């Protein structure tokens, strides 16, 4: 239970009311995006709003109806300049996982 006088409650209520008022997730999300635009996407408030909109319109099915996504794009900075990354396209995480963080181990693949 959220305290009804808390800021977090006001975020959830705003998102819920936007869903009721707008009738579709795109417009509801636009209202939330506008309201919480000063916050970075990883902040709790826009994430709470996204969850409310997704649950309201998605019938608890994030894959089919929601836009909630924890996907983080791969990074390509730590091993920049290595053949494995620059030529073969392995991401930082790939190099950490496949080559134990040693991009020169690429040459040992049989």
C-alpha atoms as a PDB file:
ATOM      1  CA  UNK A   1       0.000   0.000   0.000  1.00  0.00           C
ATOM      2  CA  UNK A   2       1.325   3.406  -0.945  1.00  0.00           C
ATOM      3  CA  UNK A   3       0.739   6.356   1.321  1.00  0.00           C
ATOM      4  CA  UNK A   4      -1.814   8.500  -0.562  1.00  0.00           C
ATOM      5  CA  UNK A   5       0.039  11.720   0.275  1.00  0.00           C
ATOM      6  CA  UNK A   6       3.386  10.495  -1.117  1.00  0.00           C
ATOM      7  CA  UNK A   7       5.005  11.725  -4.321  1.00  0.00           C
ATOM      8  CA  UNK A   8       5.168   8.170  -5.627  1.00  0.00           C
ATOM      9  CA  UNK A   9       1.412   7.790  -5.193  1.00  0.00           C
ATOM     10  CA  UNK A  10       0.890  10.993  -7.182  1.00  0.00           C
ATOM     11  CA  UNK A  11       2.957   9.541 -10.053  1.00  0.00           C
ATOM     12  CA  UNK A  12       0.986   6.290 -10.101  1.00  0.00           C
ATOM     13  CA  UNK A  13      -2.303   8.162  -9.851  1.00  0.00           C
ATOM     14  CA  UNK A  14      -1.349  10.537 -12.661  1.00  0.00           C
ATOM     15  CA  UNK A  15      -0.466   7.594 -14.918  1.00  0.00           C
ATOM     16  CA  UNK A  16      -3.683   5.755 -14.013  1.00  0.00           C
ATOM     17  CA  UNK A  17      -5.786   8.835 -14.644  1.00  0.00           C
ATOM     18  CA  UNK A  18      -4.014   9.369 -17.980  1.00  0.00           C
ATOM     19  CA  UNK A  19      -4.928   5.805 -18.982  1.00  0.00           C
ATOM     20  CA  UNK A  20      -8.574   6.346 -18.078  1.00  0.00           C
ATOM     21  CA  UNK A  21      -8.710   9.758 -19.748  1.00  0.00           C
ATOM     22  CA  UNK A  22      -6.821   8.873 -22.941  1.00  0.00           C
ATOM     23  CA  UNK A  23      -8.186   5.427 -23.682  1.00  0.00           C
ATOM     24  CA  UNK A  24      -5.055   4.161 -25.472  1.00  0.00           C
ATOM     25  CA  UNK A  25      -1.524   3.539 -24.298  1.00  0.00           C
ATOM     26  CA  UNK A  26       0.179   5.851 -26.795  1.00  0.00           C
ATOM     27  CA  UNK A  27      -1.668   8.977 -25.654  1.00  0.00           C
ATOM     28  CA  UNK A  28      -1.487   7.973 -22.001  1.00  0.00           C
ATOM     29  CA  UNK A  29       2.257   7.481 -22.302  1.00  0.00           C
ATOM     30  CA  UNK A  30       2.669  10.828 -24.099  1.00  0.00           C
ATOM     31  CA  UNK A  31       0.940  12.533 -21.163  1.00  0.00           C
ATOM     32  CA  UNK A  32       3.249  10.762 -18.707  1.00  0.00           C
ATOM     33  CA  UNK A  33       6.311  11.500 -20.804  1.00  0.00           C
ATOM     34  CA  UNK A  34       5.442  15.179 -20.869  1.00  0.00           C
ATOM     35  CA  UNK A  35       4.713  15.304 -17.124  1.00  0.00           C
ATOM     36  CA  UNK A  36       7.980  13.564 -16.143  1.00  0.00           C
ATOM     37  CA  UNK A  37      10.272  14.812 -18.916  1.00  0.00           C
ATOM     38  CA  UNK A  38      12.654  16.416 -16.420  1.00  0.00           C
ATOM     39  CA  UNK A  39      13.565  12.984 -15.084  1.00  0.00           C
ATOM     40  CA  UNK A  40      16.004  10.602 -16.719  1.00  0.00           C
ATOM     41  CA  UNK A  41      14.397   7.418 -18.029  1.00  0.00           C
ATOM     42  CA  UNK A  42      16.030   5.333 -15.294  1.00  0.00           C
ATOM     43  CA  UNK A  43      14.422   7.427 -12.550  1.00  0.00           C
ATOM     44  CA  UNK A  44      11.688   5.767 -10.513  1.00  0.00           C
ATOM     45  CA  UNK A  45       8.906   8.137 -11.580  1.00  0.00           C
ATOM     46  CA  UNK A  46       8.905   7.586 -15.365  1.00  0.00           C
ATOM     47  CA  UNK A  47       9.417   3.869 -14.761  1.00  0.00           C
ATOM     48  CA  UNK A  48       6.434   3.734 -12.412  1.00  0.00           C
ATOM     49  CA  UNK A  49       4.341   5.545 -15.007  1.00  0.00           C
ATOM     50  CA  UNK A  50       5.496   3.102 -17.702  1.00  0.00           C
ATOM     51  CA  UNK A  51       4.528   0.159 -15.532  1.00  0.00           C
ATOM     52  CA  UNK A  52       1.068   1.561 -14.867  1.00  0.00           C
ATOM     53  CA  UNK A  53       0.431   2.246 -18.562  1.00  0.00           C
ATOM     54  CA  UNK A  54       1.730  -1.195 -19.529  1.00  0.00           C
ATOM     55  CA  UNK A  55      -0.347  -2.991 -16.939  1.00  0.00           C
ATOM     56  CA  UNK A  56      -3.479  -0.977 -17.687  1.00  0.00           C
ATOM     57  CA  UNK A  57      -3.433  -1.563 -21.438  1.00  0.00           C
ATOM     58  CA  UNK A  58      -1.342  -4.707 -21.698  1.00  0.00           C
ATOM     59  CA  UNK A  59      -3.536  -7.119 -19.792  1.00  0.00           C
ATOM     60  CA  UNK A  60      -0.387  -8.234 -17.921  1.00  0.00           C
ATOM     61  CA  UNK A  61       1.263  -9.292 -21.186  1.00  0.00           C
ATOM     62  CA  UNK A  62       4.370  -7.155 -21.640  1.00  0.00           C
ATOM     63  CA  UNK A  63       5.515  -9.064 -24.720  1.00  0.00           C
ATOM     64  CA  UNK A  64       2.374  -8.529 -26.778  1.00  0.00           C
ATOM     65  CA  UNK A  65       0.838  -5.295 -25.567  1.00  0.00           C
ATOM     66  CA  UNK A  66       3.308  -3.323 -23.490  1.00  0.00           C
ATOM     67  CA  UNK A  67       6.381  -1.345 -24.293  1.00  0.00           C
ATOM     68  CA  UNK A  68       8.148  -2.036 -21.027  1.00  0.00           C
ATOM     69  CA  UNK A  69      11.665  -3.086 -21.910  1.00  0.00           C
ATOM     70  CA  UNK A  70      14.735  -3.664 -19.791  1.00  0.00           C
ATOM     71  CA  UNK A  71      16.900  -4.083 -22.881  1.00  0.00           C
ATOM     72  CA  UNK A  72      20.235  -2.346 -22.632  1.00  0.00           C
ATOM     73  CA  UNK A  73      22.060  -1.954 -25.916  1.00  0.00           C
ATOM     74  CA  UNK A  74      25.538  -3.465 -26.071  1.00  0.00           C
ATOM     75  CA  UNK A  75      28.516  -1.215 -25.445  1.00  0.00           C
ATOM     76  CA  UNK A  76      31.616  -1.027 -27.581  1.00  0.00           C
ATOM     77  CA  UNK A  77      34.028   1.146 -25.631  1.00  0.00           C
ATOM     78  CA  UNK A  78      36.228  -0.887 -23.303  1.00  0.00           C
ATOM     79  CA  UNK A  79      37.905  -2.893 -26.044  1.00  0.00           C
ATOM     80  CA  UNK A  80      37.907  -0.277 -28.773  1.00  0.00           C
ATOM     81  CA  UNK A  81      40.921  -0.732 -31.025  1.00  0.00           C
ATOM     82  CA  UNK A  82      40.936  -4.524 -30.744  1.00  0.00           C
ATOM     83  CA  UNK A  83      40.412  -6.720 -33.781  1.00  0.00           C
ATOM     84  CA  UNK A  84      37.703  -8.688 -31.976  1.00  0.00           C
ATOM     85  CA  UNK A  85      35.652  -5.535 -31.458  1.00  0.00           C
ATOM     86  CA  UNK A  86      36.489  -3.255 -34.355  1.00  0.00           C
ATOM     87  CA  UNK A  87      36.629  -5.846 -37.118  1.00  0.00           C
ATOM     88  CA  UNK A  88      34.550  -8.755 -35.835  1.00  0.00           C
ATOM     89  CA  UNK A  89      31.917  -6.680 -33.998  1.00  0.00           C
ATOM     90  CA  UNK A  90      32.053  -8.315 -30.574  1.00  0.00           C
ATOM     91  CA  UNK A  91      30.559  -6.089 -27.850  1.00  0.00           C
ATOM     92  CA  UNK A  92      32.240  -5.428 -24.500  1.00  0.00           C
ATOM     93  CA  UNK A  93      29.979  -8.007 -22.845  1.00  0.00           C
ATOM     94  CA  UNK A  94      30.722 -10.558 -25.572  1.00  0.00           C
ATOM     95  CA  UNK A  95      34.456 -10.135 -25.067  1.00  0.00           C
ATOM     96  CA  UNK A  96      34.048 -10.390 -21.293  1.00  0.00           C
ATOM     97  CA  UNK A  97      31.964 -13.554 -21.615  1.00  0.00           C
ATOM     98  CA  UNK A  98      33.533 -15.371 -24.559  1.00  0.00           C
ATOM     99  CA  UNK A  99      37.155 -14.317 -24.184  1.00  0.00           C
ATOM    100  CA  UNK A 100      37.290 -13.741 -20.411  1.00  0.00           C
ATOM    101  CA  UNK A 101      37.925 -10.042 -21.005  1.00  0.00           C
ATOM    102  CA  UNK A 102      40.934 -10.618 -23.268  1.00  0.00           C
ATOM    103  CA  UNK A 103      40.149  -9.527 -26.829  1.00  0.00           C
ATOM    104  CA  UNK A 104      43.446 -10.985 -28.061  1.00  0.00           C
ATOM    105  CA  UNK A 105      42.057 -14.431 -27.167  1.00  0.00           C
ATOM    106  CA  UNK A 106      40.015 -14.086 -30.375  1.00  0.00           C
ATOM    107  CA  UNK A 107      42.981 -15.488 -32.230  1.00  0.00           C
ATOM    108  CA  UNK A 108      42.800 -18.727 -30.205  1.00  0.00           C
ATOM    109  CA  UNK A 109      39.364 -19.718 -31.492  1.00  0.00           C
ATOM    110  CA  UNK A 110      39.464 -22.997 -33.404  1.00  0.00           C
END
